[in-house]
Amino acid sequence: MMKIKIPRITNRDVSDWLDAFDGNDAKVILTAIANNELNTCEMINSILAFNEGETSQAEFYYQLMWRKEE
Protein backbone atom coordinates (compact mmCIF):
# COMPACT_ATOMS: atom_id res chain seq x y z
CA MET A 1 0.00 0.00 0.00
CA MET A 2 1.33 3.42 -0.96
CA LYS A 3 1.45 6.03 1.79
CA ILE A 4 0.93 9.68 1.05
CA LYS A 5 3.48 11.83 2.83
CA ILE A 6 1.91 14.83 4.51
CA PRO A 7 4.30 17.80 4.60
CA ARG A 8 5.44 18.74 8.07
CA ILE A 9 6.00 22.43 8.73
CA THR A 10 9.06 23.13 10.85
CA ASN A 11 9.85 26.08 13.10
CA ARG A 12 12.47 27.13 10.52
CA ASP A 13 9.82 27.09 7.75
CA VAL A 14 7.58 29.38 9.80
CA SER A 15 10.48 31.64 10.76
CA ASP A 16 11.59 32.04 7.13
CA TRP A 17 8.00 32.71 6.05
CA LEU A 18 7.52 35.31 8.80
CA ASP A 19 10.78 37.01 7.80
CA ALA A 20 9.51 37.30 4.23
CA PHE A 21 5.89 38.30 4.85
CA ASP A 22 5.51 39.83 8.29
CA GLY A 23 8.91 41.20 9.22
CA ASN A 24 9.35 38.50 11.87
CA ASP A 25 6.41 39.85 13.92
CA ALA A 26 4.70 36.67 15.08
CA LYS A 27 2.47 38.69 17.44
CA VAL A 28 0.51 40.05 14.48
CA ILE A 29 -0.18 36.55 13.18
CA LEU A 30 -1.00 35.14 16.64
CA THR A 31 -3.38 38.02 17.36
CA ALA A 32 -5.09 37.51 14.00
CA ILE A 33 -5.50 33.79 14.70
CA ALA A 34 -6.92 34.53 18.17
CA ASN A 35 -9.40 37.01 16.68
CA ASN A 36 -10.36 34.65 13.82
CA GLU A 37 -9.08 37.20 11.31
CA LEU A 38 -7.26 34.72 9.11
CA ASN A 39 -7.86 31.39 7.46
CA THR A 40 -5.24 28.98 8.80
CA CYS A 41 -5.62 26.60 5.82
CA GLU A 42 -4.52 29.38 3.48
CA MET A 43 -1.71 30.32 5.87
CA ILE A 44 -0.45 26.72 5.76
CA ASN A 45 -0.61 26.75 1.96
CA SER A 46 1.41 29.98 1.94
CA ILE A 47 4.08 28.55 4.25
CA LEU A 48 4.35 25.33 2.22
CA ALA A 49 4.56 27.20 -1.09
CA PHE A 50 7.24 29.52 0.30
CA ASN A 51 9.19 26.51 1.60
CA GLU A 52 9.13 25.04 -1.93
CA GLY A 53 10.44 28.30 -3.42
CA GLU A 54 7.10 29.23 -4.98
CA THR A 55 7.12 32.84 -3.79
CA SER A 56 4.35 34.10 -6.08
CA GLN A 57 2.11 31.24 -4.98
CA ALA A 58 3.03 31.93 -1.34
CA GLU A 59 2.06 35.59 -1.82
CA PHE A 60 -1.24 34.54 -3.43
CA TYR A 61 -2.14 32.36 -0.43
CA TYR A 62 -0.90 35.02 1.99
CA GLN A 63 -3.39 37.49 0.51
CA LEU A 64 -6.17 34.88 0.65
CA MET A 65 -5.52 33.97 4.27
CA TRP A 66 -6.76 37.31 5.61
CA ARG A 67 -10.49 37.26 6.22
CA LYS A 68 -12.31 40.22 4.73
CA GLU A 69 -14.40 42.36 7.05
CA GLU A 70 -18.06 42.16 6.21
PDB file of N, CA and C in Angstrom:
ATOM      1  N   MET A   1       0.842  -1.188   0.000  1.00  0.00           N
ATOM      2  CA  MET A   1       0.000   0.000   0.000  1.00  0.00           C
ATOM      3  C   MET A   1       0.882   1.245   0.000  1.00  0.00           C
ATOM      4  N   MET A   2       0.565   2.185  -0.878  1.00  0.00           N
ATOM      5  CA  MET A   2       1.327   3.423  -0.965  1.00  0.00           C
ATOM      6  C   MET A   2       0.838   4.421   0.092  1.00  0.00           C
ATOM      7  N   LYS A   3       1.785   5.006   0.801  1.00  0.00           N
ATOM      8  CA  LYS A   3       1.449   6.026   1.793  1.00  0.00           C
ATOM      9  C   LYS A   3       1.681   7.391   1.193  1.00  0.00           C
ATOM     10  N   ILE A   4       0.792   8.304   1.485  1.00  0.00           N
ATOM     11  CA  ILE A   4       0.926   9.685   1.046  1.00  0.00           C
ATOM     12  C   ILE A   4       1.618  10.449   2.167  1.00  0.00           C
ATOM     13  N   LYS A   5       2.734  11.063   1.827  1.00  0.00           N
ATOM     14  CA  LYS A   5       3.475  11.828   2.829  1.00  0.00           C
ATOM     15  C   LYS A   5       2.842  13.204   2.985  1.00  0.00           C
ATOM     16  N   ILE A   6       2.485  13.518   4.196  1.00  0.00           N
ATOM     17  CA  ILE A   6       1.915  14.830   4.508  1.00  0.00           C
ATOM     18  C   ILE A   6       3.066  15.747   4.907  1.00  0.00           C
ATOM     19  N   PRO A   7       3.195  16.898   4.261  1.00  0.00           N
ATOM     20  CA  PRO A   7       4.301  17.802   4.598  1.00  0.00           C
ATOM     21  C   PRO A   7       4.224  18.250   6.046  1.00  0.00           C
ATOM     22  N   ARG A   8       5.353  18.269   6.692  1.00  0.00           N
ATOM     23  CA  ARG A   8       5.439  18.741   8.071  1.00  0.00           C
ATOM     24  C   ARG A   8       6.102  20.111   8.041  1.00  0.00           C
ATOM     25  N   ILE A   9       5.469  21.070   8.665  1.00  0.00           N
ATOM     26  CA  ILE A   9       6.001  22.427   8.725  1.00  0.00           C
ATOM     27  C   ILE A   9       6.890  22.535   9.963  1.00  0.00           C
ATOM     28  N   THR A  10       8.111  22.989   9.755  1.00  0.00           N
ATOM     29  CA  THR A  10       9.064  23.125  10.853  1.00  0.00           C
ATOM     30  C   THR A  10       9.077  24.563  11.384  1.00  0.00           C
ATOM     31  N   ASN A  11       9.692  24.736  12.545  1.00  0.00           N
ATOM     32  CA  ASN A  11       9.851  26.082  13.101  1.00  0.00           C
ATOM     33  C   ASN A  11      10.641  26.964  12.140  1.00  0.00           C
ATOM     34  N   ARG A  12      11.643  26.391  11.476  1.00  0.00           N
ATOM     35  CA  ARG A  12      12.466  27.134  10.521  1.00  0.00           C
ATOM     36  C   ARG A  12      11.616  27.594   9.338  1.00  0.00           C
ATOM     37  N   ASP A  13      10.707  26.718   8.848  1.00  0.00           N
ATOM     38  CA  ASP A  13       9.819  27.089   7.748  1.00  0.00           C
ATOM     39  C   ASP A  13       8.975  28.305   8.128  1.00  0.00           C
ATOM     40  N   VAL A  14       8.420  28.277   9.334  1.00  0.00           N
ATOM     41  CA  VAL A  14       7.576  29.381   9.799  1.00  0.00           C
ATOM     42  C   VAL A  14       8.415  30.645   9.978  1.00  0.00           C
ATOM     43  N   SER A  15       9.601  30.490  10.546  1.00  0.00           N
ATOM     44  CA  SER A  15      10.477  31.641  10.757  1.00  0.00           C
ATOM     45  C   SER A  15      10.859  32.300   9.430  1.00  0.00           C
ATOM     46  N   ASP A  16      11.233  31.495   8.445  1.00  0.00           N
ATOM     47  CA  ASP A  16      11.590  32.041   7.132  1.00  0.00           C
ATOM     48  C   ASP A  16      10.408  32.739   6.488  1.00  0.00           C
ATOM     49  N   TRP A  17       9.235  32.140   6.616  1.00  0.00           N
ATOM     50  CA  TRP A  17       8.001  32.709   6.054  1.00  0.00           C
ATOM     51  C   TRP A  17       7.674  34.042   6.732  1.00  0.00           C
ATOM     52  N   LEU A  18       7.777  34.072   8.064  1.00  0.00           N
ATOM     53  CA  LEU A  18       7.520  35.314   8.797  1.00  0.00           C
ATOM     54  C   LEU A  18       8.504  36.404   8.392  1.00  0.00           C
ATOM     55  N   ASP A  19       9.768  36.034   8.233  1.00  0.00           N
ATOM     56  CA  ASP A  19      10.779  37.013   7.799  1.00  0.00           C
ATOM     57  C   ASP A  19      10.387  37.643   6.469  1.00  0.00           C
ATOM     58  N   ALA A  20       9.851  36.821   5.574  1.00  0.00           N
ATOM     59  CA  ALA A  20       9.505  37.297   4.234  1.00  0.00           C
ATOM     60  C   ALA A  20       8.213  38.098   4.200  1.00  0.00           C
ATOM     61  N   PHE A  21       7.222  37.699   4.985  1.00  0.00           N
ATOM     62  CA  PHE A  21       5.894  38.297   4.850  1.00  0.00           C
ATOM     63  C   PHE A  21       5.469  39.223   5.985  1.00  0.00           C
ATOM     64  N   ASP A  22       5.977  39.019   7.168  1.00  0.00           N
ATOM     65  CA  ASP A  22       5.514  39.831   8.292  1.00  0.00           C
ATOM     66  C   ASP A  22       6.635  40.441   9.114  1.00  0.00           C
ATOM     67  N   GLY A  23       7.812  40.547   8.517  1.00  0.00           N
ATOM     68  CA  GLY A  23       8.913  41.197   9.217  1.00  0.00           C
ATOM     69  C   GLY A  23       9.232  40.563  10.556  1.00  0.00           C
ATOM     70  N   ASN A  24       9.024  39.259  10.663  1.00  0.00           N
ATOM     71  CA  ASN A  24       9.349  38.505  11.870  1.00  0.00           C
ATOM     72  C   ASN A  24       8.476  38.899  13.064  1.00  0.00           C
ATOM     73  N   ASP A  25       7.299  39.461  12.830  1.00  0.00           N
ATOM     74  CA  ASP A  25       6.409  39.850  13.916  1.00  0.00           C
ATOM     75  C   ASP A  25       5.320  38.796  14.098  1.00  0.00           C
ATOM     76  N   ALA A  26       5.638  37.764  14.856  1.00  0.00           N
ATOM     77  CA  ALA A  26       4.698  36.665  15.083  1.00  0.00           C
ATOM     78  C   ALA A  26       3.480  37.123  15.873  1.00  0.00           C
ATOM     79  N   LYS A  27       3.601  38.208  16.637  1.00  0.00           N
ATOM     80  CA  LYS A  27       2.475  38.685  17.439  1.00  0.00           C
ATOM     81  C   LYS A  27       1.296  39.080  16.560  1.00  0.00           C
ATOM     82  N   VAL A  28       1.583  39.659  15.402  1.00  0.00           N
ATOM     83  CA  VAL A  28       0.514  40.053  14.477  1.00  0.00           C
ATOM     84  C   VAL A  28      -0.266  38.828  14.028  1.00  0.00           C
ATOM     85  N   ILE A  29       0.455  37.776  13.642  1.00  0.00           N
ATOM     86  CA  ILE A  29      -0.183  36.548  13.185  1.00  0.00           C
ATOM     87  C   ILE A  29      -0.946  35.879  14.323  1.00  0.00           C
ATOM     88  N   LEU A  30      -0.325  35.784  15.496  1.00  0.00           N
ATOM     89  CA  LEU A  30      -1.002  35.143  16.637  1.00  0.00           C
ATOM     90  C   LEU A  30      -2.259  35.899  17.045  1.00  0.00           C
ATOM     91  N   THR A  31      -2.194  37.214  17.029  1.00  0.00           N
ATOM     92  CA  THR A  31      -3.376  38.019  17.363  1.00  0.00           C
ATOM     93  C   THR A  31      -4.477  37.804  16.331  1.00  0.00           C
ATOM     94  N   ALA A  32      -4.099  37.753  15.054  1.00  0.00           N
ATOM     95  CA  ALA A  32      -5.088  37.515  13.997  1.00  0.00           C
ATOM     96  C   ALA A  32      -5.729  36.144  14.141  1.00  0.00           C
ATOM     97  N   ILE A  33      -4.940  35.132  14.484  1.00  0.00           N
ATOM     98  CA  ILE A  33      -5.504  33.791  14.702  1.00  0.00           C
ATOM     99  C   ILE A  33      -6.474  33.826  15.882  1.00  0.00           C
ATOM    100  N   ALA A  34      -6.068  34.462  16.976  1.00  0.00           N
ATOM    101  CA  ALA A  34      -6.916  34.527  18.169  1.00  0.00           C
ATOM    102  C   ALA A  34      -8.233  35.251  17.904  1.00  0.00           C
ATOM    103  N   ASN A  35      -8.199  36.237  17.005  1.00  0.00           N
ATOM    104  CA  ASN A  35      -9.399  37.006  16.679  1.00  0.00           C
ATOM    105  C   ASN A  35     -10.137  36.469  15.458  1.00  0.00           C
ATOM    106  N   ASN A  36      -9.725  35.288  14.984  1.00  0.00           N
ATOM    107  CA  ASN A  36     -10.358  34.649  13.822  1.00  0.00           C
ATOM    108  C   ASN A  36     -10.338  35.561  12.592  1.00  0.00           C
ATOM    109  N   GLU A  37      -9.222  36.270  12.423  1.00  0.00           N
ATOM    110  CA  GLU A  37      -9.077  37.200  11.306  1.00  0.00           C
ATOM    111  C   GLU A  37      -8.340  36.599  10.122  1.00  0.00           C
ATOM    112  N   LEU A  38      -7.893  35.350  10.257  1.00  0.00           N
ATOM    113  CA  LEU A  38      -7.258  34.721   9.107  1.00  0.00           C
ATOM    114  C   LEU A  38      -7.644  33.258   9.003  1.00  0.00           C
ATOM    115  N   ASN A  39      -7.541  32.768   7.786  1.00  0.00           N
ATOM    116  CA  ASN A  39      -7.864  31.392   7.465  1.00  0.00           C
ATOM    117  C   ASN A  39      -6.569  30.585   7.568  1.00  0.00           C
ATOM    118  N   THR A  40      -6.486  29.708   8.568  1.00  0.00           N
ATOM    119  CA  THR A  40      -5.241  28.980   8.798  1.00  0.00           C
ATOM    120  C   THR A  40      -4.909  28.006   7.664  1.00  0.00           C
ATOM    121  N   CYS A  41      -5.901  27.488   6.960  1.00  0.00           N
ATOM    122  CA  CYS A  41      -5.616  26.599   5.821  1.00  0.00           C
ATOM    123  C   CYS A  41      -4.839  27.346   4.751  1.00  0.00           C
ATOM    124  N   GLU A  42      -5.226  28.577   4.474  1.00  0.00           N
ATOM    125  CA  GLU A  42      -4.519  29.384   3.481  1.00  0.00           C
ATOM    126  C   GLU A  42      -3.136  29.780   3.987  1.00  0.00           C
ATOM    127  N   MET A  43      -3.012  30.007   5.300  1.00  0.00           N
ATOM    128  CA  MET A  43      -1.711  30.317   5.872  1.00  0.00           C
ATOM    129  C   MET A  43      -0.763  29.126   5.686  1.00  0.00           C
ATOM    130  N   ILE A  44      -1.248  27.927   5.947  1.00  0.00           N
ATOM    131  CA  ILE A  44      -0.445  26.715   5.763  1.00  0.00           C
ATOM    132  C   ILE A  44      -0.019  26.582   4.306  1.00  0.00           C
ATOM    133  N   ASN A  45      -0.947  26.812   3.382  1.00  0.00           N
ATOM    134  CA  ASN A  45      -0.607  26.753   1.958  1.00  0.00           C
ATOM    135  C   ASN A  45       0.483  27.759   1.612  1.00  0.00           C
ATOM    136  N   SER A  46       0.409  28.950   2.191  1.00  0.00           N
ATOM    137  CA  SER A  46       1.411  29.980   1.940  1.00  0.00           C
ATOM    138  C   SER A  46       2.779  29.543   2.459  1.00  0.00           C
ATOM    139  N   ILE A  47       2.818  29.006   3.661  1.00  0.00           N
ATOM    140  CA  ILE A  47       4.084  28.545   4.250  1.00  0.00           C
ATOM    141  C   ILE A  47       4.683  27.423   3.407  1.00  0.00           C
ATOM    142  N   LEU A  48       3.854  26.452   3.022  1.00  0.00           N
ATOM    143  CA  LEU A  48       4.349  25.327   2.220  1.00  0.00           C
ATOM    144  C   LEU A  48       4.859  25.791   0.861  1.00  0.00           C
ATOM    145  N   ALA A  49       4.130  26.690   0.217  1.00  0.00           N
ATOM    146  CA  ALA A  49       4.563  27.203  -1.088  1.00  0.00           C
ATOM    147  C   ALA A  49       5.887  27.948  -0.947  1.00  0.00           C
ATOM    148  N   PHE A  50       6.006  28.770   0.076  1.00  0.00           N
ATOM    149  CA  PHE A  50       7.245  29.515   0.299  1.00  0.00           C
ATOM    150  C   PHE A  50       8.412  28.563   0.535  1.00  0.00           C
ATOM    151  N   ASN A  51       8.167  27.507   1.308  1.00  0.00           N
ATOM    152  CA  ASN A  51       9.194  26.512   1.597  1.00  0.00           C
ATOM    153  C   ASN A  51       9.670  25.808   0.324  1.00  0.00           C
ATOM    154  N   GLU A  52       8.788  25.685  -0.659  1.00  0.00           N
ATOM    155  CA  GLU A  52       9.130  25.043  -1.933  1.00  0.00           C
ATOM    156  C   GLU A  52       9.726  26.035  -2.944  1.00  0.00           C
ATOM    157  N   GLY A  53       9.865  27.297  -2.532  1.00  0.00           N
ATOM    158  CA  GLY A  53      10.445  28.300  -3.417  1.00  0.00           C
ATOM    159  C   GLY A  53       9.440  28.936  -4.366  1.00  0.00           C
ATOM    160  N   GLU A  54       8.175  28.682  -4.145  1.00  0.00           N
ATOM    161  CA  GLU A  54       7.104  29.233  -4.983  1.00  0.00           C
ATOM    162  C   GLU A  54       6.611  30.541  -4.368  1.00  0.00           C
ATOM    163  N   THR A  55       7.430  31.591  -4.491  1.00  0.00           N
ATOM    164  CA  THR A  55       7.116  32.837  -3.788  1.00  0.00           C
ATOM    165  C   THR A  55       5.853  33.522  -4.292  1.00  0.00           C
ATOM    166  N   SER A  56       5.579  33.461  -5.590  1.00  0.00           N
ATOM    167  CA  SER A  56       4.353  34.104  -6.084  1.00  0.00           C
ATOM    168  C   SER A  56       3.118  33.354  -5.587  1.00  0.00           C
ATOM    169  N   GLN A  57       3.219  32.044  -5.513  1.00  0.00           N
ATOM    170  CA  GLN A  57       2.110  31.240  -4.978  1.00  0.00           C
ATOM    171  C   GLN A  57       1.949  31.506  -3.483  1.00  0.00           C
ATOM    172  N   ALA A  58       3.067  31.628  -2.776  1.00  0.00           N
ATOM    173  CA  ALA A  58       3.030  31.929  -1.344  1.00  0.00           C
ATOM    174  C   ALA A  58       2.362  33.276  -1.103  1.00  0.00           C
ATOM    175  N   GLU A  59       2.674  34.265  -1.930  1.00  0.00           N
ATOM    176  CA  GLU A  59       2.062  35.591  -1.820  1.00  0.00           C
ATOM    177  C   GLU A  59       0.563  35.515  -2.088  1.00  0.00           C
ATOM    178  N   PHE A  60       0.175  34.736  -3.091  1.00  0.00           N
ATOM    179  CA  PHE A  60      -1.235  34.545  -3.428  1.00  0.00           C
ATOM    180  C   PHE A  60      -2.002  34.002  -2.221  1.00  0.00           C
ATOM    181  N   TYR A  61      -1.473  32.939  -1.598  1.00  0.00           N
ATOM    182  CA  TYR A  61      -2.143  32.355  -0.430  1.00  0.00           C
ATOM    183  C   TYR A  61      -2.093  33.288   0.772  1.00  0.00           C
ATOM    184  N   TYR A  62      -1.006  34.061   0.900  1.00  0.00           N
ATOM    185  CA  TYR A  62      -0.902  35.018   1.989  1.00  0.00           C
ATOM    186  C   TYR A  62      -2.046  36.037   1.903  1.00  0.00           C
ATOM    187  N   GLN A  63      -2.297  36.532   0.698  1.00  0.00           N
ATOM    188  CA  GLN A  63      -3.394  37.489   0.513  1.00  0.00           C
ATOM    189  C   GLN A  63      -4.748  36.850   0.805  1.00  0.00           C
ATOM    190  N   LEU A  64      -4.908  35.582   0.413  1.00  0.00           N
ATOM    191  CA  LEU A  64      -6.172  34.882   0.653  1.00  0.00           C
ATOM    192  C   LEU A  64      -6.418  34.559   2.119  1.00  0.00           C
ATOM    193  N   MET A  65      -5.351  34.425   2.884  1.00  0.00           N
ATOM    194  CA  MET A  65      -5.517  33.966   4.272  1.00  0.00           C
ATOM    195  C   MET A  65      -6.221  34.995   5.158  1.00  0.00           C
ATOM    196  N   TRP A  66      -6.131  36.267   4.796  1.00  0.00           N
ATOM    197  CA  TRP A  66      -6.755  37.308   5.613  1.00  0.00           C
ATOM    198  C   TRP A  66      -8.242  37.376   5.331  1.00  0.00           C
ATOM    199  N   ARG A  67      -9.030  37.187   6.364  1.00  0.00           N
ATOM    200  CA  ARG A  67     -10.494  37.258   6.225  1.00  0.00           C
ATOM    201  C   ARG A  67     -10.893  38.705   5.965  1.00  0.00           C
ATOM    202  N   LYS A  68     -11.816  38.875   5.059  1.00  0.00           N
ATOM    203  CA  LYS A  68     -12.313  40.221   4.732  1.00  0.00           C
ATOM    204  C   LYS A  68     -13.395  40.611   5.737  1.00  0.00           C
ATOM    205  N   GLU A  69     -13.343  41.859   6.158  1.00  0.00           N
ATOM    206  CA  GLU A  69     -14.404  42.356   7.054  1.00  0.00           C
ATOM    207  C   GLU A  69     -15.687  42.491   6.269  1.00  0.00           C
ATOM    208  N   GLU A  70     -16.764  42.092   6.904  1.00  0.00           N
ATOM    209  CA  GLU A  70     -18.060  42.161   6.207  1.00  0.00           C
ATOM    210  C   GLU A  70     -18.919  43.268   6.732  1.00  0.00           C
TER     211      GLU A  70
END
